[in-house]
Amino acid sequence: MRNLSNLVSTLALICLGAATACAPTDDTASSTSSAPAAASECTKDSLSTLTKGSITFGTDQPAYPPWFVDDDPANGKGFESAVAYAVAGKLGYAAEDVKWVRVPFNSAIAPGPKTFDANLNEFSITDERKQAVDFSSPYFNVTQAVVAVKSSPAAGVTTLDGLKGLKLGAQVGTTSYTAAKAIDPGVAVFNNNDDAKAALSNGQIDALVLDLPTAFQVQSELTDGVIVGQLPSGTEKAEQFGIVLDKGSPLTTCVSKAVDALGNDGELFKLQKVWLTGAGNAPVLS
């Protein structure tokens, strides 16, 4: 999702079960990389991190909720901060073994050696980016969400049926438009989200459909903005977030193994409920 340079770091519903494997396809290593570690070598003592005995995560600055809280990734609060510490734990690192560095979004996915071992910053896994960096297995699947203002009749909706009969809006040519049209065949179409936000603020539409990362951003920009809820996943291939590592990193296999384990034991789902669907942030409409 984060392919818009002006999008603030903000995001979707994890597959409610295990994370789907998404191994890198290009095995060209960077000049500082070695062969991927075997699963049996995924322990603190054997991992080739930047600093022996610790693991360094990167993210952008500022880092926004719900991914991070108080622009402090080291506090373990926020979905991506919590995922980072959970991955570290699976690899045998205690919280005090975790270090953080700040890296601009575009720099993190550019070719070349990294100042981090792994980076979480709502990075969508794409074939193009795989040419420059490695990705872990996905830890997050992006869904569509509905945004309204408190004065809108959509603000109190809790089910999909509750959206029927309301006037929805979406940006033309997006998956959000497809999702909105399935609910409201007469969905209002906008050339960009700024126009859509203006229409929502002016009462021309009752609610706006956006991918969840953008929904968090738009909600923060609107006066009295609220996220009504997430739409159930459709049939299209989900956009997925993965942890970024240096191309050919010896850590990629082990980090992916840790993410998969967190998905399999339900920990990713628990973290999502705490940081993304808890406190009314983004309930799932059904």
Protein backbone atom coordinates (compact mmCIF):
# COMPACT_ATOMS: atom_id res chain seq x y z
CA MET A 1 0.00 0.00 0.00
CA ARG A 2 2.79 2.38 0.94
CA ASN A 3 3.64 3.25 -2.65
CA LEU A 4 2.40 6.85 -2.29
CA SER A 5 5.20 9.09 -1.15
CA ASN A 6 2.87 11.46 0.68
CA LEU A 7 1.01 8.81 2.62
CA VAL A 8 1.73 9.07 6.32
CA SER A 9 2.67 5.79 7.96
CA THR A 10 -0.75 4.63 9.04
CA LEU A 11 -2.95 0.78 7.80
CA ALA A 12 -5.90 -4.52 7.78
CA LEU A 13 -7.13 -7.45 8.63
CA ILE A 14 -4.65 -10.25 9.16
CA CYS A 15 -5.86 -13.56 7.81
CA LEU A 16 -7.58 -14.73 10.94
CA GLY A 17 -5.56 -17.89 10.87
CA ALA A 18 -1.95 -18.44 9.93
CA ALA A 19 0.01 -16.02 7.83
CA THR A 20 0.47 -17.14 4.21
CA ALA A 21 4.02 -17.89 3.13
CA CYS A 22 5.47 -15.46 0.64
CA ALA A 23 9.14 -16.26 0.15
CA PRO A 24 11.37 -13.98 -1.89
CA THR A 25 11.82 -15.13 -5.48
CA ASP A 26 15.10 -13.41 -6.34
CA ASP A 27 18.05 -15.07 -4.61
CA THR A 28 20.68 -12.52 -5.64
CA ALA A 29 22.52 -11.59 -2.46
CA SER A 30 23.94 -8.21 -1.56
CA SER A 31 27.68 -7.86 -1.00
CA THR A 32 27.23 -8.17 2.77
CA SER A 33 24.90 -11.17 2.77
CA SER A 34 25.52 -14.87 3.20
CA ALA A 35 23.45 -17.98 2.53
CA PRO A 36 20.06 -18.15 4.29
CA ALA A 37 20.12 -19.83 7.67
CA ALA A 38 18.57 -23.25 8.08
CA ALA A 39 15.58 -23.51 10.39
CA SER A 40 17.73 -25.32 12.96
CA GLU A 41 19.99 -22.26 13.14
CA CYS A 42 17.23 -19.82 14.10
CA THR A 43 18.52 -19.11 17.58
CA LYS A 44 19.98 -16.02 19.16
CA ASP A 45 23.46 -17.53 19.40
CA SER A 46 23.61 -18.57 15.76
CA LEU A 47 21.93 -15.70 13.92
CA SER A 48 24.15 -13.30 11.97
CA THR A 49 22.72 -9.99 13.13
CA LEU A 50 24.40 -6.60 12.85
CA THR A 51 25.32 -6.78 16.53
CA LYS A 52 25.96 -10.17 18.08
CA GLY A 53 23.43 -10.98 20.78
CA SER A 54 20.89 -8.37 19.71
CA ILE A 55 18.51 -7.73 16.81
CA THR A 56 18.01 -4.30 15.25
CA PHE A 57 14.63 -3.31 13.85
CA GLY A 58 14.03 -0.25 11.71
CA THR A 59 11.02 1.96 11.07
CA ASP A 60 10.34 5.47 9.80
CA GLN A 61 10.08 8.66 11.83
CA PRO A 62 7.58 9.71 12.89
CA ALA A 63 5.92 6.36 13.47
CA TYR A 64 2.15 6.65 13.71
CA PRO A 65 -0.59 4.74 15.53
CA PRO A 66 -2.01 2.18 15.38
CA TRP A 67 1.31 0.75 14.20
CA PHE A 68 3.37 2.49 16.89
CA VAL A 69 2.35 4.54 19.92
CA ASP A 70 3.84 7.89 20.98
CA ASP A 71 6.37 7.66 18.13
CA ASP A 72 8.33 5.25 20.32
CA PRO A 73 8.84 1.84 18.68
CA ALA A 74 10.81 0.62 21.67
CA ASN A 75 7.80 0.71 24.01
CA GLY A 76 6.25 -2.40 22.42
CA LYS A 77 2.96 -0.59 21.89
CA GLY A 78 1.18 -0.52 18.54
CA PHE A 79 0.68 -3.40 16.15
CA GLU A 80 4.00 -3.35 14.31
CA SER A 81 6.04 -2.69 17.43
CA ALA A 82 4.31 -5.61 19.12
CA VAL A 83 4.92 -7.84 16.08
CA ALA A 84 8.62 -6.92 16.12
CA TYR A 85 9.00 -7.92 19.75
CA ALA A 86 7.01 -11.10 19.16
CA VAL A 87 9.28 -12.06 16.24
CA ALA A 88 12.34 -11.30 18.37
CA GLY A 89 10.95 -13.51 21.11
CA LYS A 90 10.45 -16.41 18.71
CA LEU A 91 14.11 -16.08 17.77
CA GLY A 92 15.25 -16.13 21.39
CA TYR A 93 15.79 -12.41 21.97
CA ALA A 94 14.57 -10.76 25.14
CA ALA A 95 13.05 -7.28 24.97
CA GLU A 96 16.32 -5.76 26.15
CA ASP A 97 18.10 -7.40 23.19
CA VAL A 98 15.99 -5.42 20.72
CA LYS A 99 17.37 -2.21 19.23
CA TRP A 100 15.65 0.32 16.94
CA VAL A 101 16.90 2.65 14.23
CA ARG A 102 14.98 5.18 12.14
CA VAL A 103 15.07 4.75 8.38
CA PRO A 104 13.04 6.71 5.79
CA PHE A 105 10.50 4.53 3.99
CA ASN A 106 12.09 4.76 0.54
CA SER A 107 15.60 4.20 1.88
CA ALA A 108 14.52 1.00 3.59
CA ILE A 109 13.45 -0.61 0.32
CA ALA A 110 16.32 0.75 -1.78
CA PRO A 111 19.15 -1.57 -2.87
CA GLY A 112 22.25 -1.76 -0.74
CA PRO A 113 23.38 -2.70 2.77
CA LYS A 114 21.02 -1.82 5.60
CA THR A 115 21.44 -0.27 9.03
CA PHE A 116 18.83 -2.69 10.38
CA ASP A 117 18.35 -6.43 10.55
CA ALA A 118 14.61 -6.17 9.85
CA ASN A 119 12.20 -3.31 9.20
CA LEU A 120 8.46 -2.92 9.81
CA ASN A 121 6.78 0.07 8.20
CA GLU A 122 3.63 -1.17 6.42
CA PHE A 123 5.66 -2.44 3.47
CA SER A 124 3.50 -4.11 0.83
CA ILE A 125 5.12 -7.17 -0.70
CA THR A 126 5.59 -6.58 -4.43
CA ASP A 127 7.63 -8.29 -7.14
CA GLU A 128 9.33 -4.99 -7.94
CA ARG A 129 10.50 -4.48 -4.38
CA LYS A 130 11.72 -8.06 -4.20
CA GLN A 131 14.38 -7.11 -6.71
CA ALA A 132 16.01 -4.87 -4.10
CA VAL A 133 15.14 -6.37 -0.71
CA ASP A 134 13.93 -9.54 0.94
CA PHE A 135 10.52 -9.91 2.55
CA SER A 136 9.45 -12.16 5.36
CA SER A 137 6.27 -14.16 5.19
CA PRO A 138 3.35 -11.71 5.35
CA TYR A 139 2.16 -10.72 8.79
CA PHE A 140 -0.78 -8.58 7.68
CA ASN A 141 -3.45 -8.68 4.96
CA VAL A 142 -4.97 -5.36 3.94
CA THR A 143 -8.76 -5.08 3.91
CA GLN A 144 -11.15 -2.34 2.88
CA ALA A 145 -12.69 -0.08 5.49
CA VAL A 146 -15.53 2.42 5.76
CA VAL A 147 -14.89 5.94 7.05
CA ALA A 148 -17.55 8.48 8.05
CA VAL A 149 -17.97 11.57 10.20
CA LYS A 150 -19.87 11.48 13.47
CA SER A 151 -22.82 13.40 12.04
CA SER A 152 -23.31 10.89 9.21
CA PRO A 153 -26.00 8.18 9.38
CA ALA A 154 -23.20 5.73 8.62
CA ALA A 155 -21.38 6.50 11.86
CA GLY A 156 -23.55 4.17 13.93
CA VAL A 157 -23.59 1.26 11.48
CA THR A 158 -22.36 -2.07 12.84
CA THR A 159 -23.30 -4.49 10.02
CA LEU A 160 -22.97 -4.73 6.26
CA ASP A 161 -26.76 -4.54 5.92
CA GLY A 162 -26.64 -1.25 7.77
CA LEU A 163 -24.65 0.26 4.91
CA LYS A 164 -27.28 -0.58 2.32
CA GLY A 165 -29.30 2.42 1.30
CA LEU A 166 -26.53 4.81 2.28
CA LYS A 167 -24.53 6.81 -0.25
CA LEU A 168 -20.98 5.52 -0.46
CA GLY A 169 -17.99 7.02 -2.24
CA ALA A 170 -14.64 5.70 -3.46
CA GLN A 171 -11.71 6.59 -5.67
CA VAL A 172 -12.05 5.52 -9.28
CA GLY A 173 -10.17 2.43 -10.45
CA THR A 174 -9.36 1.13 -6.97
CA THR A 175 -10.17 -2.05 -5.10
CA SER A 176 -12.04 0.25 -2.73
CA TYR A 177 -14.39 1.19 -5.57
CA THR A 178 -15.01 -2.48 -6.33
CA ALA A 179 -15.82 -3.16 -2.69
CA ALA A 180 -18.09 -0.12 -2.41
CA LYS A 181 -19.98 -0.96 -5.60
CA ALA A 182 -20.82 -4.40 -4.23
CA ILE A 183 -22.73 -2.63 -1.44
CA ASP A 184 -23.95 0.49 -3.25
CA PRO A 185 -24.28 0.05 -7.06
CA GLY A 186 -24.63 3.82 -7.34
CA VAL A 187 -21.39 4.53 -5.49
CA ALA A 188 -20.06 8.04 -6.06
CA VAL A 189 -16.73 8.04 -7.86
CA PHE A 190 -13.92 10.50 -7.20
CA ASN A 191 -10.64 11.13 -8.96
CA ASN A 192 -8.71 11.21 -5.70
CA ASN A 193 -9.20 10.83 -1.99
CA ASP A 194 -8.99 14.58 -1.34
CA ASP A 195 -12.11 15.10 -3.43
CA ALA A 196 -13.76 12.19 -1.67
CA LYS A 197 -12.93 13.59 1.76
CA ALA A 198 -14.42 16.94 0.81
CA ALA A 199 -17.62 15.22 -0.34
CA LEU A 200 -17.84 13.34 2.94
CA SER A 201 -17.27 16.47 5.00
CA ASN A 202 -19.92 18.33 3.00
CA GLY A 203 -22.52 15.59 3.38
CA GLN A 204 -22.57 14.68 -0.32
CA ILE A 205 -21.88 11.09 0.64
CA ASP A 206 -22.55 9.20 3.85
CA ALA A 207 -19.33 7.21 3.97
CA LEU A 208 -16.10 6.62 2.11
CA VAL A 209 -14.55 3.23 1.33
CA LEU A 210 -10.74 3.04 1.52
CA ASP A 211 -8.08 0.45 2.16
CA LEU A 212 -7.53 0.31 5.89
CA PRO A 213 -4.09 1.98 5.98
CA THR A 214 -5.49 4.97 4.11
CA ALA A 215 -8.64 4.87 6.25
CA PHE A 216 -6.62 5.47 9.41
CA GLN A 217 -4.91 8.39 7.72
CA VAL A 218 -8.14 9.92 6.38
CA GLN A 219 -9.89 9.49 9.71
CA SER A 220 -7.16 11.54 11.41
CA GLU A 221 -7.49 14.31 8.81
CA LEU A 222 -11.27 14.65 9.05
CA THR A 223 -13.05 16.71 11.67
CA ASP A 224 -14.91 14.14 13.80
CA GLY A 225 -13.79 11.32 11.51
CA VAL A 226 -14.60 7.75 12.52
CA ILE A 227 -13.79 4.35 11.09
CA VAL A 228 -17.13 2.59 10.86
CA GLY A 229 -15.50 -0.79 10.32
CA GLN A 230 -13.63 -3.15 8.05
CA LEU A 231 -15.31 -4.97 5.19
CA PRO A 232 -14.93 -8.76 5.00
CA SER A 233 -12.20 -9.95 2.66
CA GLY A 234 -13.31 -10.41 -0.94
CA THR A 235 -12.17 -12.91 -3.53
CA GLU A 236 -9.25 -10.89 -4.92
CA LYS A 237 -5.70 -11.65 -3.84
CA ALA A 238 -5.01 -9.76 -0.67
CA GLU A 239 -2.41 -7.04 -0.46
CA GLN A 240 0.07 -8.14 2.18
CA PHE A 241 2.61 -6.50 4.46
CA GLY A 242 5.95 -8.15 5.11
CA ILE A 243 9.05 -7.42 7.16
CA VAL A 244 11.85 -5.98 5.00
CA LEU A 245 15.38 -7.39 5.18
CA ASP A 246 18.54 -6.83 3.18
CA LYS A 247 18.57 -8.65 -0.15
CA GLY A 248 19.86 -12.17 0.42
CA SER A 249 19.87 -11.65 4.18
CA PRO A 250 20.89 -14.72 6.21
CA LEU A 251 18.02 -13.80 8.54
CA THR A 252 15.16 -13.99 6.02
CA THR A 253 14.43 -17.69 6.50
CA CYS A 254 14.41 -17.39 10.28
CA VAL A 255 12.32 -14.22 10.41
CA SER A 256 9.78 -15.82 8.06
CA LYS A 257 9.75 -18.91 10.24
CA ALA A 258 9.03 -16.73 13.28
CA VAL A 259 6.20 -14.88 11.51
CA ASP A 260 4.68 -18.18 10.38
CA ALA A 261 4.84 -19.52 13.93
CA LEU A 262 3.12 -16.40 15.27
CA GLY A 263 0.36 -16.89 12.70
CA ASN A 264 -0.01 -20.59 13.42
CA ASP A 265 -0.31 -20.15 17.18
CA GLY A 266 -2.80 -17.28 16.85
CA GLU A 267 -0.51 -14.60 18.26
CA LEU A 268 -0.81 -12.35 15.20
CA PHE A 269 -4.59 -12.43 15.52
CA LYS A 270 -4.36 -11.56 19.20
CA LEU A 271 -2.10 -8.62 18.47
CA GLN A 272 -4.44 -7.43 15.74
CA LYS A 273 -7.40 -7.49 18.12
CA VAL A 274 -5.45 -5.48 20.70
CA TRP A 275 -4.07 -2.81 18.39
CA LEU A 276 -6.27 -2.70 15.29
CA THR A 277 -9.76 -3.88 16.15
CA GLY A 278 -9.72 -3.13 19.86
CA ALA A 279 -11.27 -0.02 21.39
CA GLY A 280 -13.51 0.43 18.36
CA ASN A 281 -10.60 1.30 16.07
CA ALA A 282 -11.68 -0.90 13.19
CA PRO A 283 -14.34 -3.51 14.01
CA VAL A 284 -15.20 -6.02 11.32
CA LEU A 285 -18.63 -5.51 9.73
CA SER A 286 -20.49 -8.72 8.99
